[in-house]
Amino acid sequence: MTYKPVYPDGAFGEYVFTADKKRLDLEYLYHLLCVPSRYSSGLPPERFPPIIENSLCFSVFYQGKQVGFSRVISDQSEFASLWDVFIDDEHRAKGVGKALLRYIFDHYQLRGIFRWFLMTEDAHGLYQKFDFKTEIYNPYIMMKVNVV
């Protein structure tokens, strides 16, 4: 029998971070990931459940309402890919995104990952604070390599 420890909730001021998928607001996430908007090109609804099931999911709550999200796909050793980092507009520029990333990178299954990958159109400055570098061949791609 294997035992995976529960990753404790985190806090940043009045914001609560959790990796507990049971607390996800699936309606919020469906609209975030599947409905075309300025943040999403729209994902077919039938592809939504596997995204949640096959990712480590991280949520941000403010006064009991989900206001942020991110997910990680990883082999938990060599590679991790950071996706869908999102903080609602009214909660941005308050340090919540940085606190969410710290919470994610501190997760016991993600500590020591050798190579991190992400794609972004406009948040390069945020990720650079966590040692991500822009790939020369594609400015939307950023990578971080941890040397032990």
N, C-alpha and C. Protein backbone atom coordinates (compact mmCIF):
# COMPACT_ATOMS: atom_id res chain seq x y z
N MET A 1 0.85 -1.19 0.00
CA MET A 1 0.00 0.00 0.00
C MET A 1 0.89 1.24 0.00
N THR A 2 0.55 2.20 -0.83
CA THR A 2 1.31 3.44 -0.86
C THR A 2 0.50 4.53 -0.17
N TYR A 3 1.20 5.49 0.36
CA TYR A 3 0.57 6.59 1.09
C TYR A 3 1.08 7.89 0.51
N LYS A 4 0.19 8.72 0.06
CA LYS A 4 0.55 10.05 -0.41
C LYS A 4 0.09 11.05 0.64
N PRO A 5 1.01 11.77 1.21
CA PRO A 5 0.60 12.76 2.22
C PRO A 5 -0.28 13.84 1.62
N VAL A 6 -1.17 14.34 2.40
CA VAL A 6 -2.04 15.43 1.97
C VAL A 6 -1.22 16.72 1.97
N TYR A 7 -1.35 17.49 0.92
CA TYR A 7 -0.65 18.77 0.85
C TYR A 7 -1.50 19.80 1.57
N PRO A 8 -0.97 20.39 2.62
CA PRO A 8 -1.79 21.32 3.41
C PRO A 8 -2.14 22.59 2.64
N ASP A 9 -3.27 23.16 3.01
CA ASP A 9 -3.68 24.45 2.44
C ASP A 9 -2.63 25.50 2.79
N GLY A 10 -2.56 26.52 1.97
CA GLY A 10 -1.69 27.66 2.22
C GLY A 10 -2.52 28.91 2.38
N ALA A 11 -1.88 29.97 2.81
CA ALA A 11 -2.60 31.23 3.00
C ALA A 11 -1.70 32.40 2.61
N PHE A 12 -2.34 33.43 2.14
CA PHE A 12 -1.70 34.69 1.82
C PHE A 12 -2.72 35.76 2.15
N GLY A 13 -2.57 36.40 3.31
CA GLY A 13 -3.59 37.34 3.76
C GLY A 13 -4.91 36.62 3.90
N GLU A 14 -5.93 37.14 3.23
CA GLU A 14 -7.27 36.53 3.28
C GLU A 14 -7.46 35.46 2.21
N TYR A 15 -6.44 35.18 1.43
CA TYR A 15 -6.53 34.19 0.36
C TYR A 15 -6.10 32.82 0.88
N VAL A 16 -6.81 31.80 0.42
CA VAL A 16 -6.51 30.42 0.79
C VAL A 16 -6.16 29.67 -0.48
N PHE A 17 -5.07 28.92 -0.41
CA PHE A 17 -4.64 28.08 -1.53
C PHE A 17 -4.88 26.63 -1.15
N THR A 18 -5.33 25.84 -2.11
CA THR A 18 -5.55 24.42 -1.84
C THR A 18 -5.24 23.60 -3.08
N ALA A 19 -4.80 22.38 -2.84
CA ALA A 19 -4.59 21.40 -3.91
C ALA A 19 -5.67 20.32 -3.85
N ASP A 20 -6.69 20.55 -3.05
CA ASP A 20 -7.78 19.59 -2.86
C ASP A 20 -8.79 19.73 -4.00
N LYS A 21 -8.82 18.75 -4.89
CA LYS A 21 -9.73 18.82 -6.05
C LYS A 21 -11.20 18.79 -5.64
N LYS A 22 -11.49 18.27 -4.47
CA LYS A 22 -12.89 18.23 -4.02
C LYS A 22 -13.45 19.63 -3.80
N ARG A 23 -12.58 20.60 -3.62
CA ARG A 23 -13.03 21.97 -3.36
C ARG A 23 -13.09 22.82 -4.62
N LEU A 24 -12.72 22.27 -5.76
CA LEU A 24 -12.76 23.03 -7.01
C LEU A 24 -14.18 23.49 -7.32
N ASP A 25 -14.28 24.69 -7.81
CA ASP A 25 -15.55 25.20 -8.33
C ASP A 25 -15.56 24.84 -9.82
N LEU A 26 -16.16 23.71 -10.15
CA LEU A 26 -16.11 23.20 -11.51
C LEU A 26 -16.81 24.11 -12.52
N GLU A 27 -17.83 24.80 -12.09
CA GLU A 27 -18.51 25.76 -12.97
C GLU A 27 -17.56 26.91 -13.34
N TYR A 28 -16.87 27.43 -12.34
CA TYR A 28 -15.88 28.49 -12.55
C TYR A 28 -14.81 28.01 -13.54
N LEU A 29 -14.29 26.81 -13.31
CA LEU A 29 -13.23 26.28 -14.16
C LEU A 29 -13.72 25.98 -15.57
N TYR A 30 -14.92 25.46 -15.67
CA TYR A 30 -15.49 25.19 -17.00
C TYR A 30 -15.53 26.49 -17.82
N HIS A 31 -16.02 27.57 -17.21
CA HIS A 31 -16.10 28.84 -17.93
C HIS A 31 -14.72 29.41 -18.20
N LEU A 32 -13.80 29.17 -17.32
CA LEU A 32 -12.43 29.65 -17.50
C LEU A 32 -11.74 28.92 -18.64
N LEU A 33 -11.90 27.61 -18.72
CA LEU A 33 -11.14 26.80 -19.67
C LEU A 33 -11.90 26.44 -20.94
N CYS A 34 -13.21 26.39 -20.90
CA CYS A 34 -13.98 25.87 -22.04
C CYS A 34 -14.78 26.90 -22.80
N VAL A 35 -15.04 28.04 -22.22
CA VAL A 35 -15.84 29.06 -22.89
C VAL A 35 -14.89 30.08 -23.51
N PRO A 36 -15.00 30.32 -24.82
CA PRO A 36 -14.11 31.30 -25.44
C PRO A 36 -14.21 32.66 -24.76
N SER A 37 -13.06 33.24 -24.47
CA SER A 37 -12.98 34.56 -23.84
C SER A 37 -11.62 35.15 -24.18
N ARG A 38 -11.28 36.25 -23.57
CA ARG A 38 -9.96 36.82 -23.84
C ARG A 38 -8.85 35.95 -23.26
N TYR A 39 -9.20 35.03 -22.36
CA TYR A 39 -8.21 34.14 -21.75
C TYR A 39 -8.22 32.74 -22.33
N SER A 40 -9.23 32.38 -23.07
CA SER A 40 -9.36 31.01 -23.54
C SER A 40 -9.90 30.97 -24.95
N SER A 41 -9.33 30.11 -25.77
CA SER A 41 -9.85 29.94 -27.12
C SER A 41 -11.03 28.98 -27.13
N GLY A 42 -11.33 28.43 -25.98
CA GLY A 42 -12.47 27.53 -25.87
C GLY A 42 -12.04 26.09 -26.08
N LEU A 43 -12.25 25.30 -25.10
CA LEU A 43 -11.92 23.88 -25.13
C LEU A 43 -13.22 23.11 -25.25
N PRO A 44 -13.27 22.08 -26.08
CA PRO A 44 -14.52 21.30 -26.15
C PRO A 44 -14.89 20.77 -24.76
N PRO A 45 -16.14 20.90 -24.35
CA PRO A 45 -16.55 20.50 -22.99
C PRO A 45 -16.20 19.06 -22.63
N GLU A 46 -16.22 18.16 -23.60
CA GLU A 46 -15.91 16.76 -23.29
C GLU A 46 -14.44 16.56 -22.91
N ARG A 47 -13.60 17.55 -23.18
CA ARG A 47 -12.19 17.44 -22.80
C ARG A 47 -11.91 18.03 -21.44
N PHE A 48 -12.91 18.63 -20.81
CA PHE A 48 -12.73 19.26 -19.49
C PHE A 48 -12.46 18.25 -18.37
N PRO A 49 -13.24 17.18 -18.21
CA PRO A 49 -12.98 16.25 -17.10
C PRO A 49 -11.57 15.65 -17.08
N PRO A 50 -11.01 15.20 -18.22
CA PRO A 50 -9.66 14.65 -18.15
C PRO A 50 -8.60 15.67 -17.74
N ILE A 51 -8.83 16.93 -18.07
CA ILE A 51 -7.88 17.97 -17.66
C ILE A 51 -7.76 18.00 -16.14
N ILE A 52 -8.88 17.98 -15.47
CA ILE A 52 -8.88 18.02 -14.01
C ILE A 52 -8.36 16.71 -13.44
N GLU A 53 -8.82 15.60 -13.95
CA GLU A 53 -8.43 14.29 -13.43
C GLU A 53 -6.94 14.02 -13.56
N ASN A 54 -6.31 14.49 -14.63
CA ASN A 54 -4.93 14.13 -14.93
C ASN A 54 -3.92 15.23 -14.62
N SER A 55 -4.32 16.20 -13.85
CA SER A 55 -3.42 17.30 -13.47
C SER A 55 -3.40 17.46 -11.96
N LEU A 56 -2.30 17.99 -11.45
CA LEU A 56 -2.30 18.50 -10.08
C LEU A 56 -2.95 19.87 -10.17
N CYS A 57 -4.02 20.08 -9.46
CA CYS A 57 -4.78 21.33 -9.54
C CYS A 57 -4.59 22.16 -8.28
N PHE A 58 -4.49 23.45 -8.47
CA PHE A 58 -4.27 24.39 -7.37
C PHE A 58 -5.29 25.52 -7.49
N SER A 59 -6.02 25.76 -6.42
CA SER A 59 -7.06 26.78 -6.43
C SER A 59 -6.78 27.87 -5.42
N VAL A 60 -7.28 29.05 -5.73
CA VAL A 60 -7.20 30.21 -4.84
C VAL A 60 -8.63 30.59 -4.46
N PHE A 61 -8.86 30.74 -3.16
CA PHE A 61 -10.17 31.14 -2.67
C PHE A 61 -10.05 32.44 -1.88
N TYR A 62 -11.04 33.29 -2.04
CA TYR A 62 -11.14 34.53 -1.29
C TYR A 62 -12.55 34.58 -0.72
N GLN A 63 -12.65 34.62 0.57
CA GLN A 63 -13.95 34.63 1.26
C GLN A 63 -14.86 33.51 0.76
N GLY A 64 -14.27 32.34 0.58
CA GLY A 64 -15.01 31.15 0.19
C GLY A 64 -15.31 31.00 -1.29
N LYS A 65 -14.93 31.99 -2.10
CA LYS A 65 -15.20 31.94 -3.54
C LYS A 65 -13.90 31.71 -4.29
N GLN A 66 -13.92 30.81 -5.27
CA GLN A 66 -12.72 30.57 -6.05
C GLN A 66 -12.44 31.76 -6.95
N VAL A 67 -11.20 32.28 -6.87
CA VAL A 67 -10.81 33.46 -7.65
C VAL A 67 -9.54 33.21 -8.44
N GLY A 68 -9.01 32.01 -8.36
CA GLY A 68 -7.79 31.70 -9.10
C GLY A 68 -7.61 30.21 -9.28
N PHE A 69 -6.70 29.87 -10.19
CA PHE A 69 -6.49 28.47 -10.51
C PHE A 69 -5.17 28.31 -11.25
N SER A 70 -4.60 27.16 -11.14
CA SER A 70 -3.50 26.72 -11.99
C SER A 70 -3.43 25.21 -11.92
N ARG A 71 -2.74 24.62 -12.87
CA ARG A 71 -2.56 23.18 -12.85
C ARG A 71 -1.17 22.84 -13.35
N VAL A 72 -0.71 21.66 -12.97
CA VAL A 72 0.61 21.19 -13.36
C VAL A 72 0.48 19.77 -13.90
N ILE A 73 1.15 19.53 -14.99
CA ILE A 73 1.28 18.19 -15.55
C ILE A 73 2.74 17.80 -15.35
N SER A 74 2.98 16.62 -14.77
CA SER A 74 4.36 16.28 -14.42
C SER A 74 4.59 14.78 -14.29
N ASP A 75 5.84 14.38 -14.52
CA ASP A 75 6.25 13.02 -14.19
C ASP A 75 6.81 12.97 -12.77
N GLN A 76 6.82 14.09 -12.09
CA GLN A 76 7.23 14.28 -10.70
C GLN A 76 8.71 14.00 -10.47
N SER A 77 9.50 14.11 -11.51
CA SER A 77 10.94 13.93 -11.38
C SER A 77 11.70 14.84 -12.35
N GLU A 78 11.55 14.57 -13.62
CA GLU A 78 12.31 15.26 -14.65
C GLU A 78 11.61 16.50 -15.20
N PHE A 79 10.28 16.44 -15.30
CA PHE A 79 9.57 17.42 -16.10
C PHE A 79 8.27 17.85 -15.43
N ALA A 80 7.98 19.15 -15.50
CA ALA A 80 6.69 19.67 -15.07
C ALA A 80 6.31 20.81 -16.01
N SER A 81 5.05 20.86 -16.36
CA SER A 81 4.53 21.90 -17.22
C SER A 81 3.42 22.65 -16.48
N LEU A 82 3.58 23.94 -16.38
CA LEU A 82 2.63 24.80 -15.65
C LEU A 82 1.62 25.36 -16.64
N TRP A 83 0.32 25.20 -16.31
CA TRP A 83 -0.75 25.59 -17.22
C TRP A 83 -1.82 26.40 -16.49
N ASP A 84 -2.52 27.22 -17.25
CA ASP A 84 -3.75 27.87 -16.82
C ASP A 84 -3.61 28.68 -15.53
N VAL A 85 -2.49 29.36 -15.37
CA VAL A 85 -2.33 30.22 -14.19
C VAL A 85 -3.26 31.41 -14.36
N PHE A 86 -4.18 31.56 -13.41
CA PHE A 86 -5.20 32.59 -13.57
C PHE A 86 -5.62 33.13 -12.22
N ILE A 87 -5.67 34.45 -12.11
CA ILE A 87 -6.22 35.16 -10.96
C ILE A 87 -7.26 36.13 -11.51
N ASP A 88 -8.45 36.11 -10.95
CA ASP A 88 -9.50 37.04 -11.41
C ASP A 88 -8.99 38.48 -11.37
N ASP A 89 -9.48 39.28 -12.33
CA ASP A 89 -9.01 40.66 -12.49
C ASP A 89 -8.98 41.46 -11.19
N GLU A 90 -10.03 41.41 -10.41
CA GLU A 90 -10.10 42.25 -9.21
C GLU A 90 -9.13 41.83 -8.11
N HIS A 91 -8.48 40.68 -8.26
CA HIS A 91 -7.54 40.20 -7.26
C HIS A 91 -6.09 40.23 -7.75
N ARG A 92 -5.87 40.80 -8.93
CA ARG A 92 -4.53 40.90 -9.49
C ARG A 92 -3.78 42.08 -8.88
N ALA A 93 -2.47 42.06 -9.08
CA ALA A 93 -1.57 43.12 -8.62
C ALA A 93 -1.57 43.27 -7.10
N LYS A 94 -1.85 42.17 -6.41
CA LYS A 94 -1.85 42.16 -4.95
C LYS A 94 -0.88 41.12 -4.39
N GLY A 95 -0.11 40.48 -5.28
CA GLY A 95 0.83 39.45 -4.86
C GLY A 95 0.24 38.05 -4.81
N VAL A 96 -1.02 37.90 -5.19
CA VAL A 96 -1.69 36.61 -5.11
C VAL A 96 -1.08 35.62 -6.11
N GLY A 97 -0.79 36.06 -7.32
CA GLY A 97 -0.18 35.20 -8.32
C GLY A 97 1.17 34.67 -7.87
N LYS A 98 2.00 35.56 -7.32
CA LYS A 98 3.31 35.13 -6.81
C LYS A 98 3.15 34.13 -5.67
N ALA A 99 2.20 34.40 -4.78
CA ALA A 99 1.97 33.49 -3.65
C ALA A 99 1.47 32.14 -4.15
N LEU A 100 0.63 32.13 -5.18
CA LEU A 100 0.15 30.88 -5.76
C LEU A 100 1.32 30.08 -6.33
N LEU A 101 2.20 30.75 -7.06
CA LEU A 101 3.34 30.04 -7.65
C LEU A 101 4.25 29.47 -6.56
N ARG A 102 4.48 30.21 -5.49
CA ARG A 102 5.29 29.67 -4.37
C ARG A 102 4.63 28.42 -3.80
N TYR A 103 3.32 28.47 -3.63
CA TYR A 103 2.56 27.33 -3.12
C TYR A 103 2.71 26.12 -4.05
N ILE A 104 2.62 26.34 -5.33
CA ILE A 104 2.76 25.26 -6.31
C ILE A 104 4.17 24.68 -6.27
N PHE A 105 5.19 25.53 -6.35
CA PHE A 105 6.57 25.04 -6.41
C PHE A 105 6.99 24.35 -5.12
N ASP A 106 6.28 24.58 -4.04
CA ASP A 106 6.61 23.95 -2.76
C ASP A 106 5.89 22.61 -2.57
N HIS A 107 5.02 22.24 -3.49
CA HIS A 107 4.28 20.98 -3.37
C HIS A 107 5.26 19.82 -3.31
N TYR A 108 5.04 18.89 -2.39
CA TYR A 108 5.98 17.78 -2.17
C TYR A 108 6.21 16.94 -3.43
N GLN A 109 5.24 16.85 -4.33
CA GLN A 109 5.42 16.06 -5.55
C GLN A 109 6.16 16.84 -6.64
N LEU A 110 6.38 18.12 -6.41
CA LEU A 110 7.01 18.94 -7.44
C LEU A 110 8.37 19.49 -7.01
N ARG A 111 8.73 19.33 -5.76
CA ARG A 111 10.04 19.80 -5.30
C ARG A 111 11.13 19.02 -6.02
N GLY A 112 12.12 19.71 -6.50
CA GLY A 112 13.25 19.05 -7.13
C GLY A 112 13.04 18.71 -8.59
N ILE A 113 11.94 19.15 -9.19
CA ILE A 113 11.73 18.93 -10.62
C ILE A 113 12.91 19.54 -11.37
N PHE A 114 13.44 18.79 -12.30
CA PHE A 114 14.62 19.27 -13.04
C PHE A 114 14.26 20.35 -14.06
N ARG A 115 13.20 20.15 -14.83
CA ARG A 115 12.88 21.08 -15.91
C ARG A 115 11.41 21.48 -15.86
N TRP A 116 11.17 22.79 -15.74
CA TRP A 116 9.82 23.34 -15.77
C TRP A 116 9.59 24.02 -17.11
N PHE A 117 8.37 23.96 -17.58
CA PHE A 117 8.00 24.54 -18.87
C PHE A 117 6.68 25.27 -18.71
N LEU A 118 6.52 26.38 -19.42
CA LEU A 118 5.24 27.08 -19.46
C LEU A 118 5.17 27.91 -20.73
N MET A 119 3.98 28.34 -21.03
CA MET A 119 3.76 29.26 -22.15
C MET A 119 2.97 30.45 -21.64
N THR A 120 3.37 31.64 -22.09
CA THR A 120 2.66 32.85 -21.68
C THR A 120 2.76 33.89 -22.79
N GLU A 121 1.73 34.70 -22.91
CA GLU A 121 1.77 35.80 -23.86
C GLU A 121 2.22 37.09 -23.20
N ASP A 122 1.92 37.24 -21.89
CA ASP A 122 2.12 38.55 -21.30
C ASP A 122 2.58 38.58 -19.85
N ALA A 123 2.91 37.43 -19.26
CA ALA A 123 3.28 37.43 -17.83
C ALA A 123 4.75 37.05 -17.63
N HIS A 124 5.59 37.39 -18.58
CA HIS A 124 7.00 37.04 -18.49
C HIS A 124 7.65 37.55 -17.21
N GLY A 125 7.31 38.78 -16.82
CA GLY A 125 7.90 39.38 -15.62
C GLY A 125 7.61 38.58 -14.36
N LEU A 126 6.41 38.05 -14.25
CA LEU A 126 6.05 37.23 -13.09
C LEU A 126 6.92 35.98 -13.04
N TYR A 127 7.02 35.28 -14.14
CA TYR A 127 7.76 34.02 -14.16
C TYR A 127 9.27 34.22 -14.04
N GLN A 128 9.77 35.34 -14.52
CA GLN A 128 11.20 35.63 -14.37
C GLN A 128 11.58 35.73 -12.90
N LYS A 129 10.66 36.14 -12.06
CA LYS A 129 10.93 36.20 -10.62
C LYS A 129 11.17 34.82 -10.02
N PHE A 130 10.79 33.78 -10.77
CA PHE A 130 10.98 32.39 -10.34
C PHE A 130 12.01 31.68 -11.22
N ASP A 131 12.89 32.47 -11.82
CA ASP A 131 14.03 31.98 -12.61
C ASP A 131 13.65 31.34 -13.93
N PHE A 132 12.48 31.61 -14.45
CA PHE A 132 12.14 31.14 -15.79
C PHE A 132 12.81 32.07 -16.80
N LYS A 133 13.27 31.49 -17.89
CA LYS A 133 13.91 32.23 -18.97
C LYS A 133 13.11 32.05 -20.24
N THR A 134 13.03 33.10 -21.04
CA THR A 134 12.33 33.04 -22.32
C THR A 134 13.19 32.27 -23.31
N GLU A 135 12.57 31.36 -24.03
CA GLU A 135 13.27 30.61 -25.06
C GLU A 135 13.47 31.51 -26.27
N ILE A 136 14.65 31.53 -26.82
CA ILE A 136 15.01 32.41 -27.92
C ILE A 136 14.17 32.12 -29.16
N TYR A 137 13.90 30.85 -29.43
CA TYR A 137 13.21 30.48 -30.65
C TYR A 137 11.71 30.77 -30.61
N ASN A 138 11.15 30.98 -29.42
CA ASN A 138 9.72 31.28 -29.31
C ASN A 138 9.49 32.09 -28.03
N PRO A 139 9.19 33.38 -28.14
CA PRO A 139 9.06 34.23 -26.95
C PRO A 139 7.88 33.88 -26.04
N TYR A 140 6.95 33.01 -26.50
CA TYR A 140 5.84 32.60 -25.65
C TYR A 140 6.23 31.47 -24.71
N ILE A 141 7.33 30.81 -24.99
CA ILE A 141 7.75 29.66 -24.21
C ILE A 141 8.81 30.07 -23.20
N MET A 142 8.62 29.61 -21.97
CA MET A 142 9.60 29.89 -20.92
C MET A 142 9.98 28.56 -20.27
N MET A 143 11.24 28.48 -19.83
CA MET A 143 11.72 27.26 -19.21
C MET A 143 12.58 27.61 -18.01
N LYS A 144 12.57 26.72 -17.04
CA LYS A 144 13.40 26.85 -15.84
C LYS A 144 14.07 25.51 -15.62
N VAL A 145 15.40 25.52 -15.46
CA VAL A 145 16.13 24.30 -15.22
C VAL A 145 16.77 24.41 -13.85
N ASN A 146 16.50 23.44 -12.98
CA ASN A 146 17.08 23.42 -11.64
C ASN A 146 18.32 22.53 -11.65
N VAL A 147 19.45 23.10 -11.32
CA VAL A 147 20.68 22.33 -11.24
C VAL A 147 20.90 21.98 -9.79
N VAL A 148 21.07 20.69 -9.53
CA VAL A 148 21.22 20.20 -8.15
C VAL A 148 22.64 20.38 -7.70
